[in-house]
């Protein structure tokens, strides 16, 4: 890997750059909270060669949204379901926009 390859990862929202401790610090939560939303399959961190959890910026945004909902009194299970539905709606909207652009171009 060259230095240029490493710098390209800085823009990659899916690159697992953050350790669990750093991720918890960034999100403003505990490591236990990150494990809990992982157990509810809201996010699945990648594992380093040593087995340590690594989180991406995208996963940190999801975790921050979960924390926001839980802080408002939503049970963690419900928060995870809400976020999964929000993400599905976002992805569907992206697909619709892409399809509309493709249809307009042809």
C-alpha atoms as a PDB file:
ATOM      1  CA  UNK A   1       0.000   0.000   0.000  1.00  0.00           C
ATOM      2  CA  UNK A   2       1.317   3.418  -0.861  1.00  0.00           C
ATOM      3  CA  UNK A   3       0.865   6.668   1.034  1.00  0.00           C
ATOM      4  CA  UNK A   4      -1.615   7.779  -1.636  1.00  0.00           C
ATOM      5  CA  UNK A   5      -3.749   4.683  -0.936  1.00  0.00           C
ATOM      6  CA  UNK A   6      -3.794   5.471   2.785  1.00  0.00           C
ATOM      7  CA  UNK A   7      -4.896   9.059   2.239  1.00  0.00           C
ATOM      8  CA  UNK A   8      -7.705   7.888  -0.058  1.00  0.00           C
ATOM      9  CA  UNK A   9      -9.217   6.027   2.884  1.00  0.00           C
ATOM     10  CA  UNK A  10      -9.701   9.313   4.738  1.00  0.00           C
ATOM     11  CA  UNK A  11     -12.677  10.027   2.485  1.00  0.00           C
ATOM     12  CA  UNK A  12     -14.123   6.506   2.767  1.00  0.00           C
ATOM     13  CA  UNK A  13     -17.151   6.535   5.102  1.00  0.00           C
ATOM     14  CA  UNK A  14     -17.019   2.739   5.308  1.00  0.00           C
ATOM     15  CA  UNK A  15     -13.346   2.361   6.263  1.00  0.00           C
ATOM     16  CA  UNK A  16     -13.149   0.914   9.812  1.00  0.00           C
ATOM     17  CA  UNK A  17     -10.725   3.464  11.227  1.00  0.00           C
ATOM     18  CA  UNK A  18     -11.913   3.857  14.823  1.00  0.00           C
ATOM     19  CA  UNK A  19     -11.279   1.614  17.796  1.00  0.00           C
ATOM     20  CA  UNK A  20     -14.146   0.935  20.166  1.00  0.00           C
ATOM     21  CA  UNK A  21     -12.761   3.335  22.762  1.00  0.00           C
ATOM     22  CA  UNK A  22     -12.315   6.147  20.262  1.00  0.00           C
ATOM     23  CA  UNK A  23     -15.730   5.451  18.699  1.00  0.00           C
ATOM     24  CA  UNK A  24     -17.418   5.650  22.100  1.00  0.00           C
ATOM     25  CA  UNK A  25     -15.594   8.905  22.816  1.00  0.00           C
ATOM     26  CA  UNK A  26     -16.627  10.445  19.482  1.00  0.00           C
ATOM     27  CA  UNK A  27     -20.272   9.403  19.873  1.00  0.00           C
ATOM     28  CA  UNK A  28     -20.289  10.443  23.529  1.00  0.00           C
ATOM     29  CA  UNK A  29     -21.399   7.095  24.845  1.00  0.00           C
ATOM     30  CA  UNK A  30     -20.000   3.989  26.487  1.00  0.00           C
ATOM     31  CA  UNK A  31     -18.391   0.968  24.938  1.00  0.00           C
ATOM     32  CA  UNK A  32     -21.251  -1.064  26.397  1.00  0.00           C
ATOM     33  CA  UNK A  33     -23.722   0.991  24.369  1.00  0.00           C
ATOM     34  CA  UNK A  34     -21.780   0.233  21.179  1.00  0.00           C
ATOM     35  CA  UNK A  35     -21.775  -3.463  22.059  1.00  0.00           C
ATOM     36  CA  UNK A  36     -25.528  -3.312  22.745  1.00  0.00           C
ATOM     37  CA  UNK A  37     -26.404  -1.810  19.370  1.00  0.00           C
ATOM     38  CA  UNK A  38     -24.112  -4.398  17.823  1.00  0.00           C
ATOM     39  CA  UNK A  39     -26.022  -7.157  19.623  1.00  0.00           C
ATOM     40  CA  UNK A  40     -29.233  -5.708  18.175  1.00  0.00           C
ATOM     41  CA  UNK A  41     -27.541  -5.882  14.749  1.00  0.00           C
ATOM     42  CA  UNK A  42     -27.867  -2.167  14.102  1.00  0.00           C
ATOM     43  CA  UNK A  43     -24.181  -2.019  13.240  1.00  0.00           C
ATOM     44  CA  UNK A  44     -21.611  -4.763  12.789  1.00  0.00           C
ATOM     45  CA  UNK A  45     -18.104  -3.479  13.343  1.00  0.00           C
ATOM     46  CA  UNK A  46     -15.282  -5.113  11.481  1.00  0.00           C
ATOM     47  CA  UNK A  47     -12.633  -6.888  13.505  1.00  0.00           C
ATOM     48  CA  UNK A  48      -8.903  -6.247  13.419  1.00  0.00           C
ATOM     49  CA  UNK A  49      -6.501  -9.160  13.065  1.00  0.00           C
ATOM     50  CA  UNK A  50      -6.353  -9.185  16.868  1.00  0.00           C
ATOM     51  CA  UNK A  51     -10.160  -9.397  17.138  1.00  0.00           C
ATOM     52  CA  UNK A  52     -10.735  -5.798  18.223  1.00  0.00           C
ATOM     53  CA  UNK A  53     -13.823  -3.964  16.971  1.00  0.00           C
ATOM     54  CA  UNK A  54     -13.252  -1.225  14.383  1.00  0.00           C
ATOM     55  CA  UNK A  55     -15.923   1.310  13.427  1.00  0.00           C
ATOM     56  CA  UNK A  56     -16.409   3.428  10.320  1.00  0.00           C
ATOM     57  CA  UNK A  57     -17.649   7.013  10.149  1.00  0.00           C
ATOM     58  CA  UNK A  58     -20.940   5.724   8.749  1.00  0.00           C
ATOM     59  CA  UNK A  59     -21.335   3.408  11.755  1.00  0.00           C
ATOM     60  CA  UNK A  60     -20.531   6.289  14.108  1.00  0.00           C
ATOM     61  CA  UNK A  61     -23.342   8.347  12.562  1.00  0.00           C
ATOM     62  CA  UNK A  62     -25.737   5.429  13.074  1.00  0.00           C
ATOM     63  CA  UNK A  63     -24.545   5.012  16.676  1.00  0.00           C
ATOM     64  CA  UNK A  64     -24.987   8.741  17.313  1.00  0.00           C
ATOM     65  CA  UNK A  65     -28.561   8.558  16.000  1.00  0.00           C
ATOM     66  CA  UNK A  66     -29.240   5.581  18.287  1.00  0.00           C
ATOM     67  CA  UNK A  67     -27.845   7.485  21.246  1.00  0.00           C
ATOM     68  CA  UNK A  68     -30.055  10.461  20.377  1.00  0.00           C
ATOM     69  CA  UNK A  69     -33.176   8.291  20.377  1.00  0.00           C
ATOM     70  CA  UNK A  70     -32.214   6.481  23.585  1.00  0.00           C
ATOM     71  CA  UNK A  71     -31.452   9.801  25.277  1.00  0.00           C
ATOM     72  CA  UNK A  72     -35.007  10.872  24.353  1.00  0.00           C
ATOM     73  CA  UNK A  73     -36.373   7.838  26.189  1.00  0.00           C
ATOM     74  CA  UNK A  74     -36.745   5.341  23.347  1.00  0.00           C
ATOM     75  CA  UNK A  75     -35.853   1.777  24.375  1.00  0.00           C
ATOM     76  CA  UNK A  76     -32.702   0.580  22.626  1.00  0.00           C
ATOM     77  CA  UNK A  77     -34.534  -2.199  20.758  1.00  0.00           C
ATOM     78  CA  UNK A  78     -37.061   0.282  19.362  1.00  0.00           C
ATOM     79  CA  UNK A  79     -34.323   2.787  18.528  1.00  0.00           C
ATOM     80  CA  UNK A  80     -32.514   0.144  16.488  1.00  0.00           C
ATOM     81  CA  UNK A  81     -35.703  -0.708  14.582  1.00  0.00           C
ATOM     82  CA  UNK A  82     -36.457   2.967  13.927  1.00  0.00           C
ATOM     83  CA  UNK A  83     -32.975   3.583  12.552  1.00  0.00           C
ATOM     84  CA  UNK A  84     -33.123   0.469  10.365  1.00  0.00           C
ATOM     85  CA  UNK A  85     -36.365   1.785   8.860  1.00  0.00           C
ATOM     86  CA  UNK A  86     -34.902   5.275   8.416  1.00  0.00           C
ATOM     87  CA  UNK A  87     -31.912   3.810   6.600  1.00  0.00           C
ATOM     88  CA  UNK A  88     -34.152   1.683   4.376  1.00  0.00           C
ATOM     89  CA  UNK A  89     -36.159   4.788   3.449  1.00  0.00           C
ATOM     90  CA  UNK A  90     -32.955   6.714   2.697  1.00  0.00           C
ATOM     91  CA  UNK A  91     -31.623   3.926   0.477  1.00  0.00           C
ATOM     92  CA  UNK A  92     -34.963   3.595  -1.347  1.00  0.00           C
ATOM     93  CA  UNK A  93     -35.026   7.349  -1.978  1.00  0.00           C
ATOM     94  CA  UNK A  94     -31.490   7.179  -3.391  1.00  0.00           C
ATOM     95  CA  UNK A  95     -32.517   4.345  -5.701  1.00  0.00           C
ATOM     96  CA  UNK A  96     -35.571   6.273  -6.871  1.00  0.00           C
ATOM     97  CA  UNK A  97     -33.440   9.362  -7.612  1.00  0.00           C
ATOM     98  CA  UNK A  98     -30.899   7.255  -9.456  1.00  0.00           C
ATOM     99  CA  UNK A  99     -33.615   5.523 -11.494  1.00  0.00           C
ATOM    100  CA  UNK A 100     -35.223   8.875 -12.339  1.00  0.00           C
ATOM    101  CA  UNK A 101     -31.871  10.291 -13.479  1.00  0.00           C
ATOM    102  CA  UNK A 102     -31.198   7.194 -15.561  1.00  0.00           C
ATOM    103  CA  UNK A 103     -34.677   7.374 -17.142  1.00  0.00           C
ATOM    104  CA  UNK A 104     -34.228  11.072 -17.933  1.00  0.00           C
ATOM    105  CA  UNK A 105     -30.856  10.389 -19.589  1.00  0.00           C
ATOM    106  CA  UNK A 106     -32.257   7.743 -21.928  1.00  0.00           C
END
